[in-house]
């Protein structure tokens, strides 16, 4: 196994370049990005585990789909925040991505604040765009998303930067009361990628 921390502490432009190279090298990720263009959704992003887990797999020389149960595709459509409208998009995406080895989970970020408090017991702010969601993730490490632009470039959205990903460090984001989610997701990830360092939630006793 090579040095999986070889890009830890590298400058942000290098980390972004490497992440884009890794994404481009994965046929299933390119397939999703191209399918997103065909779906023509407003403000679409491919986010979270399908991205950072892939980086960890490549850098630790594991099979590319190790530990990845689905791919999160989000969009932002405030013109119709109904479940029915979202369900139409979900069904379109299911047909578009039926050939993929992992399911693609689709959510309209314009309506998350409606259902999040009931599901997780925590108030959730109304968002203004898809990328806003990453500001509220339980772990800063998970806050990464990409999009295939019209000119063929892959744009990277990472409000907290990429160093946590390349340092194999799961760092809490205390914007919401997400201590339980951070701890549970970190523990599950550690079982798959023992190389990870888990940073405990402030005020929480170490696991």
C-alpha atoms as a PDB file:
ATOM      1  CA  UNK A   1       0.000   0.000   0.000  1.00  0.00           C
ATOM      2  CA  UNK A   2       1.280   3.456  -0.865  1.00  0.00           C
ATOM      3  CA  UNK A   3       1.349   6.530   1.317  1.00  0.00           C
ATOM      4  CA  UNK A   4      -2.329   7.309   1.728  1.00  0.00           C
ATOM      5  CA  UNK A   5      -1.489  10.638   3.404  1.00  0.00           C
ATOM      6  CA  UNK A   6       0.628  11.871   0.500  1.00  0.00           C
ATOM      7  CA  UNK A   7      -1.720  14.838  -0.135  1.00  0.00           C
ATOM      8  CA  UNK A   8      -2.419  15.690   3.499  1.00  0.00           C
ATOM      9  CA  UNK A   9      -1.386  19.294   4.070  1.00  0.00           C
ATOM     10  CA  UNK A  10      -0.899  19.938   0.350  1.00  0.00           C
ATOM     11  CA  UNK A  11      -1.973  23.286  -1.023  1.00  0.00           C
ATOM     12  CA  UNK A  12      -5.703  23.602  -1.826  1.00  0.00           C
ATOM     13  CA  UNK A  13      -5.189  23.765  -5.592  1.00  0.00           C
ATOM     14  CA  UNK A  14      -3.233  20.504  -5.560  1.00  0.00           C
ATOM     15  CA  UNK A  15      -5.898  18.794  -3.458  1.00  0.00           C
ATOM     16  CA  UNK A  16      -8.619  20.031  -5.798  1.00  0.00           C
ATOM     17  CA  UNK A  17      -6.698  18.839  -8.852  1.00  0.00           C
ATOM     18  CA  UNK A  18      -6.163  15.390  -7.348  1.00  0.00           C
ATOM     19  CA  UNK A  19      -9.811  15.081  -6.337  1.00  0.00           C
ATOM     20  CA  UNK A  20     -10.943  15.948  -9.880  1.00  0.00           C
ATOM     21  CA  UNK A  21      -8.485  13.441 -11.339  1.00  0.00           C
ATOM     22  CA  UNK A  22      -9.798  10.735  -9.027  1.00  0.00           C
ATOM     23  CA  UNK A  23     -13.418  11.513  -9.937  1.00  0.00           C
ATOM     24  CA  UNK A  24     -12.647  11.489 -13.671  1.00  0.00           C
ATOM     25  CA  UNK A  25     -10.976   8.091 -13.332  1.00  0.00           C
ATOM     26  CA  UNK A  26     -14.152   6.455 -11.957  1.00  0.00           C
ATOM     27  CA  UNK A  27     -16.539   5.395 -14.763  1.00  0.00           C
ATOM     28  CA  UNK A  28     -19.544   5.204 -12.431  1.00  0.00           C
ATOM     29  CA  UNK A  29     -18.997   8.752 -11.137  1.00  0.00           C
ATOM     30  CA  UNK A  30     -18.624  10.142 -14.655  1.00  0.00           C
ATOM     31  CA  UNK A  31     -21.758   8.241 -15.633  1.00  0.00           C
ATOM     32  CA  UNK A  32     -23.670   9.955 -12.807  1.00  0.00           C
ATOM     33  CA  UNK A  33     -22.304  13.388 -13.675  1.00  0.00           C
ATOM     34  CA  UNK A  34     -23.259  12.974 -17.327  1.00  0.00           C
ATOM     35  CA  UNK A  35     -26.683  11.674 -16.321  1.00  0.00           C
ATOM     36  CA  UNK A  36     -27.179  14.742 -14.151  1.00  0.00           C
ATOM     37  CA  UNK A  37     -26.697  16.886 -17.233  1.00  0.00           C
ATOM     38  CA  UNK A  38     -29.317  14.883 -19.113  1.00  0.00           C
ATOM     39  CA  UNK A  39     -31.783  15.262 -16.239  1.00  0.00           C
ATOM     40  CA  UNK A  40     -31.264  19.032 -16.513  1.00  0.00           C
ATOM     41  CA  UNK A  41     -32.086  19.725 -12.871  1.00  0.00           C
ATOM     42  CA  UNK A  42     -31.627  23.166 -11.311  1.00  0.00           C
ATOM     43  CA  UNK A  43     -28.394  23.576  -9.317  1.00  0.00           C
ATOM     44  CA  UNK A  44     -27.436  19.856  -9.288  1.00  0.00           C
ATOM     45  CA  UNK A  45     -24.541  18.446  -7.253  1.00  0.00           C
ATOM     46  CA  UNK A  46     -23.125  14.974  -6.679  1.00  0.00           C
ATOM     47  CA  UNK A  47     -22.218  15.053  -3.021  1.00  0.00           C
ATOM     48  CA  UNK A  48     -20.789  13.372   0.039  1.00  0.00           C
ATOM     49  CA  UNK A  49     -19.804   9.720   0.348  1.00  0.00           C
ATOM     50  CA  UNK A  50     -19.543   8.871  -3.324  1.00  0.00           C
ATOM     51  CA  UNK A  51     -16.825  11.532  -3.493  1.00  0.00           C
ATOM     52  CA  UNK A  52     -14.823  11.357  -0.260  1.00  0.00           C
ATOM     53  CA  UNK A  53     -15.136   7.579   0.109  1.00  0.00           C
ATOM     54  CA  UNK A  54     -13.815   7.191  -3.425  1.00  0.00           C
ATOM     55  CA  UNK A  55     -10.786   9.327  -2.549  1.00  0.00           C
ATOM     56  CA  UNK A  56     -10.100   7.137   0.491  1.00  0.00           C
ATOM     57  CA  UNK A  57     -10.467   3.970  -1.577  1.00  0.00           C
ATOM     58  CA  UNK A  58      -8.098   5.167  -4.277  1.00  0.00           C
ATOM     59  CA  UNK A  59      -5.454   6.364  -1.812  1.00  0.00           C
ATOM     60  CA  UNK A  60      -5.598   3.123   0.203  1.00  0.00           C
ATOM     61  CA  UNK A  61      -5.742   0.966  -2.949  1.00  0.00           C
ATOM     62  CA  UNK A  62      -9.134  -0.542  -2.130  1.00  0.00           C
ATOM     63  CA  UNK A  63     -11.756  -1.423  -4.759  1.00  0.00           C
ATOM     64  CA  UNK A  64     -13.444   1.833  -5.832  1.00  0.00           C
ATOM     65  CA  UNK A  65     -16.906   0.997  -4.444  1.00  0.00           C
ATOM     66  CA  UNK A  66     -15.702  -0.188  -1.018  1.00  0.00           C
ATOM     67  CA  UNK A  67     -17.987   1.164   1.691  1.00  0.00           C
ATOM     68  CA  UNK A  68     -20.151   3.154  -0.748  1.00  0.00           C
ATOM     69  CA  UNK A  69     -23.821   2.214  -0.433  1.00  0.00           C
ATOM     70  CA  UNK A  70     -25.279   4.949  -2.649  1.00  0.00           C
ATOM     71  CA  UNK A  71     -24.622   8.243  -4.402  1.00  0.00           C
ATOM     72  CA  UNK A  72     -26.267  11.470  -3.242  1.00  0.00           C
ATOM     73  CA  UNK A  73     -27.588  13.648  -6.059  1.00  0.00           C
ATOM     74  CA  UNK A  74     -29.114  16.914  -4.893  1.00  0.00           C
ATOM     75  CA  UNK A  75     -30.742  19.822  -6.669  1.00  0.00           C
ATOM     76  CA  UNK A  76     -32.472  23.043  -5.639  1.00  0.00           C
ATOM     77  CA  UNK A  77     -35.940  23.891  -6.923  1.00  0.00           C
ATOM     78  CA  UNK A  78     -37.849  26.415  -4.814  1.00  0.00           C
ATOM     79  CA  UNK A  79     -40.541  26.805  -7.493  1.00  0.00           C
ATOM     80  CA  UNK A  80     -42.268  23.618  -6.328  1.00  0.00           C
ATOM     81  CA  UNK A  81     -41.361  22.310  -2.874  1.00  0.00           C
ATOM     82  CA  UNK A  82     -43.986  19.566  -2.830  1.00  0.00           C
ATOM     83  CA  UNK A  83     -43.116  15.938  -2.228  1.00  0.00           C
ATOM     84  CA  UNK A  84     -45.009  15.096  -5.413  1.00  0.00           C
ATOM     85  CA  UNK A  85     -42.692  17.234  -7.538  1.00  0.00           C
ATOM     86  CA  UNK A  86     -39.635  15.735  -5.874  1.00  0.00           C
ATOM     87  CA  UNK A  87     -41.014  12.241  -6.429  1.00  0.00           C
ATOM     88  CA  UNK A  88     -41.276  12.916 -10.170  1.00  0.00           C
ATOM     89  CA  UNK A  89     -37.575  13.793 -10.207  1.00  0.00           C
ATOM     90  CA  UNK A  90     -36.720  10.724  -8.114  1.00  0.00           C
ATOM     91  CA  UNK A  91     -38.491   8.480 -10.630  1.00  0.00           C
ATOM     92  CA  UNK A  92     -36.766  10.152 -13.578  1.00  0.00           C
ATOM     93  CA  UNK A  93     -33.406   9.623 -11.863  1.00  0.00           C
ATOM     94  CA  UNK A  94     -34.189   5.977 -11.134  1.00  0.00           C
ATOM     95  CA  UNK A  95     -34.774   5.397 -14.836  1.00  0.00           C
ATOM     96  CA  UNK A  96     -31.656   7.363 -15.833  1.00  0.00           C
ATOM     97  CA  UNK A  97     -29.351   5.498 -13.447  1.00  0.00           C
ATOM     98  CA  UNK A  98     -30.906   2.019 -13.524  1.00  0.00           C
ATOM     99  CA  UNK A  99     -27.710   0.499 -14.939  1.00  0.00           C
ATOM    100  CA  UNK A 100     -25.400   1.682 -12.141  1.00  0.00           C
ATOM    101  CA  UNK A 101     -23.871  -0.629  -9.502  1.00  0.00           C
ATOM    102  CA  UNK A 102     -25.102   1.631  -6.667  1.00  0.00           C
ATOM    103  CA  UNK A 103     -28.433   3.445  -6.212  1.00  0.00           C
ATOM    104  CA  UNK A 104     -28.602   7.203  -6.730  1.00  0.00           C
ATOM    105  CA  UNK A 105     -30.519   8.987  -3.963  1.00  0.00           C
ATOM    106  CA  UNK A 106     -32.113  12.253  -5.090  1.00  0.00           C
ATOM    107  CA  UNK A 107     -33.305  15.121  -2.862  1.00  0.00           C
ATOM    108  CA  UNK A 108     -34.529  18.647  -3.466  1.00  0.00           C
ATOM    109  CA  UNK A 109     -32.598  20.807  -1.015  1.00  0.00           C
ATOM    110  CA  UNK A 110     -35.286  23.497  -1.176  1.00  0.00           C
ATOM    111  CA  UNK A 111     -37.558  21.330   0.981  1.00  0.00           C
ATOM    112  CA  UNK A 112     -35.174  19.753   3.521  1.00  0.00           C
ATOM    113  CA  UNK A 113     -36.246  22.176   6.267  1.00  0.00           C
ATOM    114  CA  UNK A 114     -39.771  20.719   6.038  1.00  0.00           C
ATOM    115  CA  UNK A 115     -38.905  17.123   6.938  1.00  0.00           C
ATOM    116  CA  UNK A 116     -35.528  17.292   8.723  1.00  0.00           C
ATOM    117  CA  UNK A 117     -36.804  18.327  12.200  1.00  0.00           C
ATOM    118  CA  UNK A 118     -39.321  15.470  12.337  1.00  0.00           C
ATOM    119  CA  UNK A 119     -36.788  12.901  11.163  1.00  0.00           C
ATOM    120  CA  UNK A 120     -33.799  14.028  13.237  1.00  0.00           C
ATOM    121  CA  UNK A 121     -35.300  16.097  16.047  1.00  0.00           C
ATOM    122  CA  UNK A 122     -33.221  19.170  15.176  1.00  0.00           C
ATOM    123  CA  UNK A 123     -34.352  22.439  13.593  1.00  0.00           C
ATOM    124  CA  UNK A 124     -32.940  22.986  10.114  1.00  0.00           C
ATOM    125  CA  UNK A 125     -32.423  26.321   8.340  1.00  0.00           C
ATOM    126  CA  UNK A 126     -34.086  27.031   5.030  1.00  0.00           C
ATOM    127  CA  UNK A 127     -31.450  26.813   2.291  1.00  0.00           C
ATOM    128  CA  UNK A 128     -30.906  29.134  -0.665  1.00  0.00           C
ATOM    129  CA  UNK A 129     -28.943  26.778  -2.953  1.00  0.00           C
ATOM    130  CA  UNK A 130     -27.751  23.184  -3.077  1.00  0.00           C
ATOM    131  CA  UNK A 131     -24.264  23.955  -1.759  1.00  0.00           C
ATOM    132  CA  UNK A 132     -25.755  25.467   1.422  1.00  0.00           C
ATOM    133  CA  UNK A 133     -26.540  21.963   2.658  1.00  0.00           C
ATOM    134  CA  UNK A 134     -22.868  21.237   3.277  1.00  0.00           C
ATOM    135  CA  UNK A 135     -22.655  23.981   5.894  1.00  0.00           C
ATOM    136  CA  UNK A 136     -24.982  21.866   8.060  1.00  0.00           C
ATOM    137  CA  UNK A 137     -23.361  18.448   7.704  1.00  0.00           C
ATOM    138  CA  UNK A 138     -22.469  16.731  10.981  1.00  0.00           C
ATOM    139  CA  UNK A 139     -18.853  16.337   9.860  1.00  0.00           C
ATOM    140  CA  UNK A 140     -16.857  18.915   7.932  1.00  0.00           C
ATOM    141  CA  UNK A 141     -15.061  16.061   6.188  1.00  0.00           C
ATOM    142  CA  UNK A 142     -18.257  15.076   4.390  1.00  0.00           C
ATOM    143  CA  UNK A 143     -18.846  18.538   2.943  1.00  0.00           C
ATOM    144  CA  UNK A 144     -17.724  18.036  -0.633  1.00  0.00           C
ATOM    145  CA  UNK A 145     -19.643  17.969  -3.892  1.00  0.00           C
ATOM    146  CA  UNK A 146     -18.887  18.089  -7.617  1.00  0.00           C
ATOM    147  CA  UNK A 147     -20.659  18.969 -10.830  1.00  0.00           C
ATOM    148  CA  UNK A 148     -19.883  18.466 -14.508  1.00  0.00           C
ATOM    149  CA  UNK A 149     -20.151  21.898 -16.087  1.00  0.00           C
ATOM    150  CA  UNK A 150     -21.286  22.671 -19.629  1.00  0.00           C
ATOM    151  CA  UNK A 151     -17.685  23.109 -20.809  1.00  0.00           C
ATOM    152  CA  UNK A 152     -16.698  19.663 -19.510  1.00  0.00           C
ATOM    153  CA  UNK A 153     -14.899  20.946 -16.420  1.00  0.00           C
ATOM    154  CA  UNK A 154     -15.636  19.374 -13.043  1.00  0.00           C
ATOM    155  CA  UNK A 155     -16.313  22.021 -10.414  1.00  0.00           C
ATOM    156  CA  UNK A 156     -15.608  21.266  -6.757  1.00  0.00           C
ATOM    157  CA  UNK A 157     -17.650  22.664  -3.879  1.00  0.00           C
ATOM    158  CA  UNK A 158     -16.050  22.226  -0.461  1.00  0.00           C
ATOM    159  CA  UNK A 159     -16.847  25.000   2.041  1.00  0.00           C
ATOM    160  CA  UNK A 160     -14.403  23.652   4.646  1.00  0.00           C
ATOM    161  CA  UNK A 161     -11.688  22.736   2.173  1.00  0.00           C
ATOM    162  CA  UNK A 162     -10.391  19.271   1.297  1.00  0.00           C
ATOM    163  CA  UNK A 163      -7.623  18.698   3.818  1.00  0.00           C
ATOM    164  CA  UNK A 164      -9.800  16.671   6.213  1.00  0.00           C
ATOM    165  CA  UNK A 165     -10.484  14.242   3.369  1.00  0.00           C
ATOM    166  CA  UNK A 166      -6.843  13.915   2.334  1.00  0.00           C
ATOM    167  CA  UNK A 167      -5.724  13.736   5.974  1.00  0.00           C
ATOM    168  CA  UNK A 168      -8.183  10.865   6.601  1.00  0.00           C
ATOM    169  CA  UNK A 169      -9.591  12.951   9.469  1.00  0.00           C
ATOM    170  CA  UNK A 170     -13.290  13.032  10.386  1.00  0.00           C
ATOM    171  CA  UNK A 171     -13.862  16.455  11.929  1.00  0.00           C
ATOM    172  CA  UNK A 172     -17.133  17.582  13.551  1.00  0.00           C
ATOM    173  CA  UNK A 173     -19.147  20.534  12.315  1.00  0.00           C
ATOM    174  CA  UNK A 174     -20.934  22.116  15.284  1.00  0.00           C
ATOM    175  CA  UNK A 175     -23.330  24.363  13.365  1.00  0.00           C
ATOM    176  CA  UNK A 176     -26.234  22.045  14.254  1.00  0.00           C
ATOM    177  CA  UNK A 177     -26.661  19.705  17.225  1.00  0.00           C
ATOM    178  CA  UNK A 178     -25.387  16.723  15.257  1.00  0.00           C
ATOM    179  CA  UNK A 179     -23.108  15.053  17.808  1.00  0.00           C
ATOM    180  CA  UNK A 180     -24.884  11.694  17.595  1.00  0.00           C
ATOM    181  CA  UNK A 181     -24.839  11.627  13.800  1.00  0.00           C
ATOM    182  CA  UNK A 182     -21.158  12.590  13.708  1.00  0.00           C
ATOM    183  CA  UNK A 183     -20.227   9.827  16.176  1.00  0.00           C
ATOM    184  CA  UNK A 184     -22.296   7.137  14.467  1.00  0.00           C
ATOM    185  CA  UNK A 185     -21.107   7.903  10.936  1.00  0.00           C
ATOM    186  CA  UNK A 186     -17.507   8.193  12.092  1.00  0.00           C
ATOM    187  CA  UNK A 187     -17.665   4.817  13.860  1.00  0.00           C
ATOM    188  CA  UNK A 188     -19.102   3.118  10.769  1.00  0.00           C
ATOM    189  CA  UNK A 189     -16.447   4.671   8.546  1.00  0.00           C
ATOM    190  CA  UNK A 190     -13.636   3.616  10.893  1.00  0.00           C
ATOM    191  CA  UNK A 191     -14.654  -0.021  10.426  1.00  0.00           C
ATOM    192  CA  UNK A 192     -14.157   0.287   6.660  1.00  0.00           C
ATOM    193  CA  UNK A 193     -11.168   2.657   6.660  1.00  0.00           C
ATOM    194  CA  UNK A 194      -9.164   2.025   9.868  1.00  0.00           C
ATOM    195  CA  UNK A 195      -6.674   4.627   8.637  1.00  0.00           C
ATOM    196  CA  UNK A 196      -9.131   7.340   9.729  1.00  0.00           C
ATOM    197  CA  UNK A 197      -8.564   9.639  12.676  1.00  0.00           C
ATOM    198  CA  UNK A 198     -11.833  10.561  14.408  1.00  0.00           C
ATOM    199  CA  UNK A 199     -12.068  13.966  16.071  1.00  0.00           C
ATOM    200  CA  UNK A 200     -14.626  13.846  18.884  1.00  0.00           C
ATOM    201  CA  UNK A 201     -17.464  16.323  19.161  1.00  0.00           C
ATOM    202  CA  UNK A 202     -16.512  19.204  21.486  1.00  0.00           C
ATOM    203  CA  UNK A 203     -17.478  18.341  25.036  1.00  0.00           C
ATOM    204  CA  UNK A 204     -17.993  14.668  24.273  1.00  0.00           C
ATOM    205  CA  UNK A 205     -15.951  12.001  25.997  1.00  0.00           C
ATOM    206  CA  UNK A 206     -13.730  10.011  23.584  1.00  0.00           C
ATOM    207  CA  UNK A 207     -15.348   6.811  22.290  1.00  0.00           C
END
